PDB file of N, CA and C in Angstrom:
ATOM      1  N   MET A   1      76.103  32.895 -59.918  1.00  0.00           N
ATOM      2  CA  MET A   1      76.214  31.810 -60.762  1.00  0.00           C
ATOM      3  C   MET A   1      77.624  31.045 -60.567  1.00  0.00           C
ATOM      4  N   LYS A   2      77.628  29.639 -60.380  1.00  0.00           N
ATOM      5  CA  LYS A   2      78.892  29.064 -60.152  1.00  0.00           C
ATOM      6  C   LYS A   2      78.947  27.770 -61.341  1.00  0.00           C
ATOM      7  N   ILE A   3      79.981  28.045 -61.993  1.00  0.00           N
ATOM      8  CA  ILE A   3      80.275  27.143 -63.184  1.00  0.00           C
ATOM      9  C   ILE A   3      81.511  26.265 -62.832  1.00  0.00           C
ATOM     10  N   GLU A   4      81.453  25.027 -62.998  1.00  0.00           N
ATOM     11  CA  GLU A   4      82.537  24.198 -62.671  1.00  0.00           C
ATOM     12  C   GLU A   4      82.754  23.231 -63.403  1.00  0.00           C
ATOM     13  N   LYS A   5      83.928  22.913 -63.877  1.00  0.00           N
ATOM     14  CA  LYS A   5      84.230  21.544 -64.766  1.00  0.00           C
ATOM     15  C   LYS A   5      84.260  20.441 -63.873  1.00  0.00           C
ATOM     16  N   SER A   6      83.537  19.355 -64.132  1.00  0.00           N
ATOM     17  CA  SER A   6      83.694  18.260 -63.333  1.00  0.00           C
ATOM     18  C   SER A   6      84.352  17.096 -63.845  1.00  0.00           C
ATOM     19  N   SER A   7      84.621  16.910 -65.200  1.00  0.00           N
ATOM     20  CA  SER A   7      85.225  15.973 -65.762  1.00  0.00           C
ATOM     21  C   SER A   7      85.933  16.160 -67.091  1.00  0.00           C
ATOM     22  N   TYR A   8      86.841  15.366 -67.330  1.00  0.00           N
ATOM     23  CA  TYR A   8      87.615  15.514 -68.570  1.00  0.00           C
ATOM     24  C   TYR A   8      87.798  14.069 -69.204  1.00  0.00           C
ATOM     25  N   THR A   9      87.520  14.123 -70.557  1.00  0.00           N
ATOM     26  CA  THR A   9      87.776  13.003 -71.436  1.00  0.00           C
ATOM     27  C   THR A   9      88.734  13.158 -72.562  1.00  0.00           C
ATOM     28  N   GLU A  10      89.498  12.236 -72.854  1.00  0.00           N
ATOM     29  CA  GLU A  10      90.267  12.099 -74.132  1.00  0.00           C
ATOM     30  C   GLU A  10      90.267  10.673 -74.570  1.00  0.00           C
ATOM     31  N   ILE A  11      90.040  10.794 -75.970  1.00  0.00           N
ATOM     32  CA  ILE A  11      90.040   9.477 -76.622  1.00  0.00           C
ATOM     33  C   ILE A  11      91.403   9.444 -77.623  1.00  0.00           C
ATOM     34  N   TYR A  12      92.083   8.326 -77.463  1.00  0.00           N
ATOM     35  CA  TYR A  12      93.149   8.033 -78.442  1.00  0.00           C
ATOM     36  C   TYR A  12      92.926   6.937 -79.274  1.00  0.00           C
ATOM     37  N   ASN A  13      93.473   7.171 -80.536  1.00  0.00           N
ATOM     38  CA  ASN A  13      93.470   6.028 -81.592  1.00  0.00           C
ATOM     39  C   ASN A  13      94.847   5.559 -81.520  1.00  0.00           C
ATOM     40  N   VAL A  14      95.092   4.196 -81.398  1.00  0.00           N
ATOM     41  CA  VAL A  14      96.326   3.601 -81.356  1.00  0.00           C
ATOM     42  C   VAL A  14      96.517   2.555 -82.327  1.00  0.00           C
ATOM     43  N   GLU A  15      97.595   2.605 -83.122  1.00  0.00           N
ATOM     44  CA  GLU A  15      97.753   1.490 -84.145  1.00  0.00           C
ATOM     45  C   GLU A  15      99.117   0.786 -83.674  1.00  0.00           C
ATOM     46  N   THR A  16      98.924  -0.532 -83.710  1.00  0.00           N
ATOM     47  CA  THR A  16      99.857  -1.458 -83.238  1.00  0.00           C
ATOM     48  C   THR A  16     100.171  -2.292 -84.499  1.00  0.00           C
ATOM     49  N   GLU A  17     101.247  -3.306 -84.267  1.00  0.00           N
ATOM     50  CA  GLU A  17     101.424  -4.181 -85.382  1.00  0.00           C
ATOM     51  C   GLU A  17     100.252  -4.976 -85.791  1.00  0.00           C
ATOM     52  N   LYS A  18      99.405  -5.343 -84.656  1.00  0.00           N
ATOM     53  CA  LYS A  18      98.340  -6.404 -84.965  1.00  0.00           C
ATOM     54  C   LYS A  18      97.038  -5.714 -84.918  1.00  0.00           C
ATOM     55  N   TYR A  19      96.758  -4.549 -84.242  1.00  0.00           N
ATOM     56  CA  TYR A  19      95.360  -3.955 -84.010  1.00  0.00           C
ATOM     57  C   TYR A  19      95.393  -2.440 -84.149  1.00  0.00           C
ATOM     58  N   ASN A  20      94.160  -2.141 -84.332  1.00  0.00           N
ATOM     59  CA  ASN A  20      94.032  -0.575 -84.196  1.00  0.00           C
ATOM     60  C   ASN A  20      92.995  -0.531 -82.959  1.00  0.00           C
ATOM     61  N   ILE A  21      93.438   0.275 -82.107  1.00  0.00           N
ATOM     62  CA  ILE A  21      92.727   0.415 -80.721  1.00  0.00           C
ATOM     63  C   ILE A  21      92.237   1.751 -80.467  1.00  0.00           C
ATOM     64  N   SER A  22      91.045   1.705 -79.906  1.00  0.00           N
ATOM     65  CA  SER A  22      90.392   3.075 -79.428  1.00  0.00           C
ATOM     66  C   SER A  22      90.466   2.915 -77.908  1.00  0.00           C
ATOM     67  N   ILE A  23      91.077   3.827 -77.130  1.00  0.00           N
ATOM     68  CA  ILE A  23      91.196   3.897 -75.829  1.00  0.00           C
ATOM     69  C   ILE A  23      90.877   5.105 -75.192  1.00  0.00           C
ATOM     70  N   GLN A  24      90.054   5.337 -73.942  1.00  0.00           N
ATOM     71  CA  GLN A  24      89.587   6.496 -73.500  1.00  0.00           C
ATOM     72  C   GLN A  24      90.220   6.821 -72.026  1.00  0.00           C
ATOM     73  N   TYR A  25      90.553   8.053 -71.775  1.00  0.00           N
ATOM     74  CA  TYR A  25      91.012   8.335 -70.569  1.00  0.00           C
ATOM     75  C   TYR A  25      89.928   9.208 -69.935  1.00  0.00           C
ATOM     76  N   HIS A  26      89.323   9.171 -68.697  1.00  0.00           N
ATOM     77  CA  HIS A  26      88.338   9.769 -68.123  1.00  0.00           C
ATOM     78  C   HIS A  26      88.720  10.286 -66.873  1.00  0.00           C
ATOM     79  N   GLU A  27      88.794  11.511 -66.359  1.00  0.00           N
ATOM     80  CA  GLU A  27      89.068  11.823 -65.199  1.00  0.00           C
ATOM     81  C   GLU A  27      88.056  12.649 -64.572  1.00  0.00           C
ATOM     82  N   TYR A  28      87.559  12.370 -63.343  1.00  0.00           N
ATOM     83  CA  TYR A  28      86.485  13.107 -62.631  1.00  0.00           C
ATOM     84  C   TYR A  28      87.057  14.073 -61.424  1.00  0.00           C
ATOM     85  N   PHE A  29      86.951  15.129 -61.551  1.00  0.00           N
ATOM     86  CA  PHE A  29      87.677  16.256 -60.733  1.00  0.00           C
ATOM     87  C   PHE A  29      86.999  16.201 -59.234  1.00  0.00           C
ATOM     88  N   ASN A  30      85.701  16.055 -59.206  1.00  0.00           N
ATOM     89  CA  ASN A  30      84.899  16.183 -57.902  1.00  0.00           C
ATOM     90  C   ASN A  30      85.322  14.898 -57.155  1.00  0.00           C
ATOM     91  N   ILE A  31      85.625  13.966 -57.707  1.00  0.00           N
ATOM     92  CA  ILE A  31      85.869  12.652 -56.748  1.00  0.00           C
ATOM     93  C   ILE A  31      87.303  12.199 -56.883  1.00  0.00           C
ATOM     94  N   LEU A  32      88.274  13.094 -57.529  1.00  0.00           N
ATOM     95  CA  LEU A  32      89.517  12.788 -57.656  1.00  0.00           C
ATOM     96  C   LEU A  32      89.861  11.260 -58.126  1.00  0.00           C
ATOM     97  N   TYR A  33      89.167  10.941 -59.393  1.00  0.00           N
ATOM     98  CA  TYR A  33      89.250   9.628 -59.790  1.00  0.00           C
ATOM     99  C   TYR A  33      89.460   9.675 -61.322  1.00  0.00           C
ATOM    100  N   ALA A  34      90.388   8.742 -61.714  1.00  0.00           N
ATOM    101  CA  ALA A  34      90.672   8.652 -63.253  1.00  0.00           C
ATOM    102  C   ALA A  34      90.566   7.116 -63.595  1.00  0.00           C
ATOM    103  N   GLU A  35      90.327   7.089 -64.929  1.00  0.00           N
ATOM    104  CA  GLU A  35      90.203   5.731 -65.371  1.00  0.00           C
ATOM    105  C   GLU A  35      90.609   5.479 -66.896  1.00  0.00           C
ATOM    106  N   TRP A  36      91.121   4.626 -67.418  1.00  0.00           N
ATOM    107  CA  TRP A  36      91.432   4.093 -68.744  1.00  0.00           C
ATOM    108  C   TRP A  36      90.446   3.106 -69.147  1.00  0.00           C
ATOM    109  N   GLU A  37      89.979   3.174 -70.392  1.00  0.00           N
ATOM    110  CA  GLU A  37      89.161   2.096 -70.815  1.00  0.00           C
ATOM    111  C   GLU A  37      89.337   1.910 -72.410  1.00  0.00           C
ATOM    112  N   ILE A  38      89.407   0.639 -72.726  1.00  0.00           N
ATOM    113  CA  ILE A  38      89.571   0.134 -74.117  1.00  0.00           C
ATOM    114  C   ILE A  38      88.295   0.275 -74.666  1.00  0.00           C
ATOM    115  N   LEU A  39      87.921   1.159 -75.747  1.00  0.00           N
ATOM    116  CA  LEU A  39      86.606   1.215 -76.294  1.00  0.00           C
ATOM    117  C   LEU A  39      86.400   0.100 -77.423  1.00  0.00           C
ATOM    118  N   SER A  40      87.476  -0.100 -78.145  1.00  0.00           N
ATOM    119  CA  SER A  40      87.202  -1.010 -79.278  1.00  0.00           C
ATOM    120  C   SER A  40      88.819  -1.537 -79.583  1.00  0.00           C
ATOM    121  N   ILE A  41      88.778  -2.635 -80.255  1.00  0.00           N
ATOM    122  CA  ILE A  41      89.922  -3.503 -80.720  1.00  0.00           C
ATOM    123  C   ILE A  41      89.508  -4.150 -81.924  1.00  0.00           C
ATOM    124  N   GLN A  42      90.243  -3.643 -83.048  1.00  0.00           N
ATOM    125  CA  GLN A  42      90.064  -4.230 -84.500  1.00  0.00           C
ATOM    126  C   GLN A  42      91.344  -4.607 -84.960  1.00  0.00           C
ATOM    127  N   ASP A  43      91.232  -5.756 -85.963  1.00  0.00           N
ATOM    128  CA  ASP A  43      92.446  -6.125 -86.565  1.00  0.00           C
ATOM    129  C   ASP A  43      92.704  -5.184 -87.731  1.00  0.00           C
ATOM    130  N   LYS A  44      93.610  -5.494 -88.582  1.00  0.00           N
ATOM    131  CA  LYS A  44      94.018  -4.588 -89.646  1.00  0.00           C
ATOM    132  C   LYS A  44      93.062  -4.464 -90.816  1.00  0.00           C
ATOM    133  N   GLU A  45      92.145  -5.390 -90.853  1.00  0.00           N
ATOM    134  CA  GLU A  45      91.057  -5.455 -91.795  1.00  0.00           C
ATOM    135  C   GLU A  45      89.707  -4.942 -91.359  1.00  0.00           C
ATOM    136  N   GLY A  46      89.880  -4.318 -90.081  1.00  0.00           N
ATOM    137  CA  GLY A  46      88.711  -3.578 -89.499  1.00  0.00           C
ATOM    138  C   GLY A  46      87.609  -4.516 -88.794  1.00  0.00           C
ATOM    139  N   LEU A  47      88.040  -5.861 -88.556  1.00  0.00           N
ATOM    140  CA  LEU A  47      87.136  -6.576 -87.776  1.00  0.00           C
ATOM    141  C   LEU A  47      87.403  -6.498 -86.275  1.00  0.00           C
ATOM    142  N   GLU A  48      86.327  -6.626 -85.598  1.00  0.00           N
ATOM    143  CA  GLU A  48      86.330  -6.491 -84.005  1.00  0.00           C
ATOM    144  C   GLU A  48      87.089  -7.923 -83.520  1.00  0.00           C
ATOM    145  N   VAL A  49      87.998  -7.440 -82.509  1.00  0.00           N
ATOM    146  CA  VAL A  49      88.773  -8.496 -81.996  1.00  0.00           C
ATOM    147  C   VAL A  49      88.347  -8.678 -80.476  1.00  0.00           C
ATOM    148  N   LYS A  50      88.029 -10.003 -80.148  1.00  0.00           N
ATOM    149  CA  LYS A  50      87.628 -10.071 -78.691  1.00  0.00           C
ATOM    150  C   LYS A  50      88.892 -10.865 -77.922  1.00  0.00           C
ATOM    151  N   LEU A  51      89.480 -10.154 -77.000  1.00  0.00           N
ATOM    152  CA  LEU A  51      90.595 -10.734 -76.047  1.00  0.00           C
ATOM    153  C   LEU A  51      90.104 -11.257 -74.705  1.00  0.00           C
ATOM    154  N   THR A  52      90.791 -11.908 -74.094  1.00  0.00           N
ATOM    155  CA  THR A  52      90.355 -12.210 -72.733  1.00  0.00           C
ATOM    156  C   THR A  52      90.624 -10.999 -71.879  1.00  0.00           C
ATOM    157  N   LYS A  53      90.037 -10.851 -70.647  1.00  0.00           N
ATOM    158  CA  LYS A  53      90.200  -9.868 -69.830  1.00  0.00           C
ATOM    159  C   LYS A  53      91.643  -9.502 -69.487  1.00  0.00           C
ATOM    160  N   GLU A  54      92.385 -10.642 -69.213  1.00  0.00           N
ATOM    161  CA  GLU A  54      93.751 -10.495 -68.967  1.00  0.00           C
ATOM    162  C   GLU A  54      94.490  -9.842 -70.021  1.00  0.00           C
ATOM    163  N   GLU A  55      94.330 -10.453 -71.313  1.00  0.00           N
ATOM    164  CA  GLU A  55      95.051  -9.981 -72.494  1.00  0.00           C
ATOM    165  C   GLU A  55      94.743  -8.536 -72.795  1.00  0.00           C
ATOM    166  N   GLU A  56      93.413  -8.160 -72.514  1.00  0.00           N
ATOM    167  CA  GLU A  56      93.016  -6.642 -72.829  1.00  0.00           C
ATOM    168  C   GLU A  56      93.683  -5.842 -71.527  1.00  0.00           C
ATOM    169  N   ASN A  57      93.730  -6.257 -70.406  1.00  0.00           N
ATOM    170  CA  ASN A  57      94.386  -5.510 -69.483  1.00  0.00           C
ATOM    171  C   ASN A  57      95.922  -5.252 -69.646  1.00  0.00           C
ATOM    172  N   GLU A  58      96.600  -6.304 -70.173  1.00  0.00           N
ATOM    173  CA  GLU A  58      97.827  -6.263 -70.573  1.00  0.00           C
ATOM    174  C   GLU A  58      98.262  -5.295 -71.585  1.00  0.00           C
ATOM    175  N   LEU A  59      97.282  -5.279 -72.545  1.00  0.00           N
ATOM    176  CA  LEU A  59      97.362  -4.318 -73.724  1.00  0.00           C
ATOM    177  C   LEU A  59      97.056  -2.970 -73.314  1.00  0.00           C
ATOM    178  N   LYS A  60      96.087  -2.793 -72.542  1.00  0.00           N
ATOM    179  CA  LYS A  60      95.739  -1.448 -72.021  1.00  0.00           C
ATOM    180  C   LYS A  60      96.979  -0.768 -71.029  1.00  0.00           C
ATOM    181  N   ASP A  61      97.508  -1.643 -70.274  1.00  0.00           N
ATOM    182  CA  ASP A  61      98.713  -1.128 -69.532  1.00  0.00           C
ATOM    183  C   ASP A  61      99.814  -0.757 -70.272  1.00  0.00           C
ATOM    184  N   CYS A  62     100.119  -1.505 -71.418  1.00  0.00           N
ATOM    185  CA  CYS A  62     101.163  -1.212 -72.336  1.00  0.00           C
ATOM    186  C   CYS A  62     100.915  -0.015 -73.013  1.00  0.00           C
ATOM    187  N   ILE A  63      99.775   0.273 -73.663  1.00  0.00           N
ATOM    188  CA  ILE A  63      99.490   1.563 -74.339  1.00  0.00           C
ATOM    189  C   ILE A  63      99.262   2.715 -73.343  1.00  0.00           C
ATOM    190  N   VAL A  64      98.769   2.521 -72.017  1.00  0.00           N
ATOM    191  CA  VAL A  64      98.768   3.636 -71.241  1.00  0.00           C
ATOM    192  C   VAL A  64     100.392   4.127 -70.904  1.00  0.00           C
ATOM    193  N   GLU A  65     101.090   3.051 -70.842  1.00  0.00           N
ATOM    194  CA  GLU A  65     102.414   3.484 -70.489  1.00  0.00           C
ATOM    195  C   GLU A  65     103.171   4.254 -71.573  1.00  0.00           C
ATOM    196  N   LYS A  66     102.836   3.766 -72.814  1.00  0.00           N
ATOM    197  CA  LYS A  66     103.495   4.506 -73.959  1.00  0.00           C
ATOM    198  C   LYS A  66     102.784   5.883 -74.045  1.00  0.00           C
ATOM    199  N   ILE A  67     101.506   6.016 -73.842  1.00  0.00           N
ATOM    200  CA  ILE A  67     100.971   7.452 -73.870  1.00  0.00           C
ATOM    201  C   ILE A  67     101.559   8.215 -72.793  1.00  0.00           C
ATOM    202  N   MET A  68     101.761   7.932 -71.621  1.00  0.00           N
ATOM    203  CA  MET A  68     102.284   8.707 -70.556  1.00  0.00           C
ATOM    204  C   MET A  68     103.842   9.096 -70.867  1.00  0.00           C
ATOM    205  N   GLU A  69     104.451   8.121 -71.530  1.00  0.00           N
ATOM    206  CA  GLU A  69     105.754   8.602 -71.728  1.00  0.00           C
ATOM    207  C   GLU A  69     105.951   9.602 -72.841  1.00  0.00           C
ATOM    208  N   SER A  70     104.937   9.519 -73.833  1.00  0.00           N
ATOM    209  CA  SER A  70     104.933  10.478 -74.930  1.00  0.00           C
ATOM    210  C   SER A  70     104.474  11.936 -74.483  1.00  0.00           C
ATOM    211  N   GLU A  71     103.803  12.242 -73.283  1.00  0.00           N
ATOM    212  CA  GLU A  71     103.341  13.369 -72.895  1.00  0.00           C
ATOM    213  C   GLU A  71     104.081  14.052 -71.909  1.00  0.00           C
TER     214      GLU A  71
END
């Protein structure tokens, strides 16, 4: 029997001055691919926030940079 782990997922909850964000890191070992994805963005009252794709990508890049620095 051969057992092999094929992927890995981490979910981070990030609190900024304006938002509470849930972001996911997913790594696929068999195809050597990894991706970050914002799962949700909420304001401080818990209401969902919709950002433009550009704003979301900028926010994601900033959060990923901070996560990578801390690890």
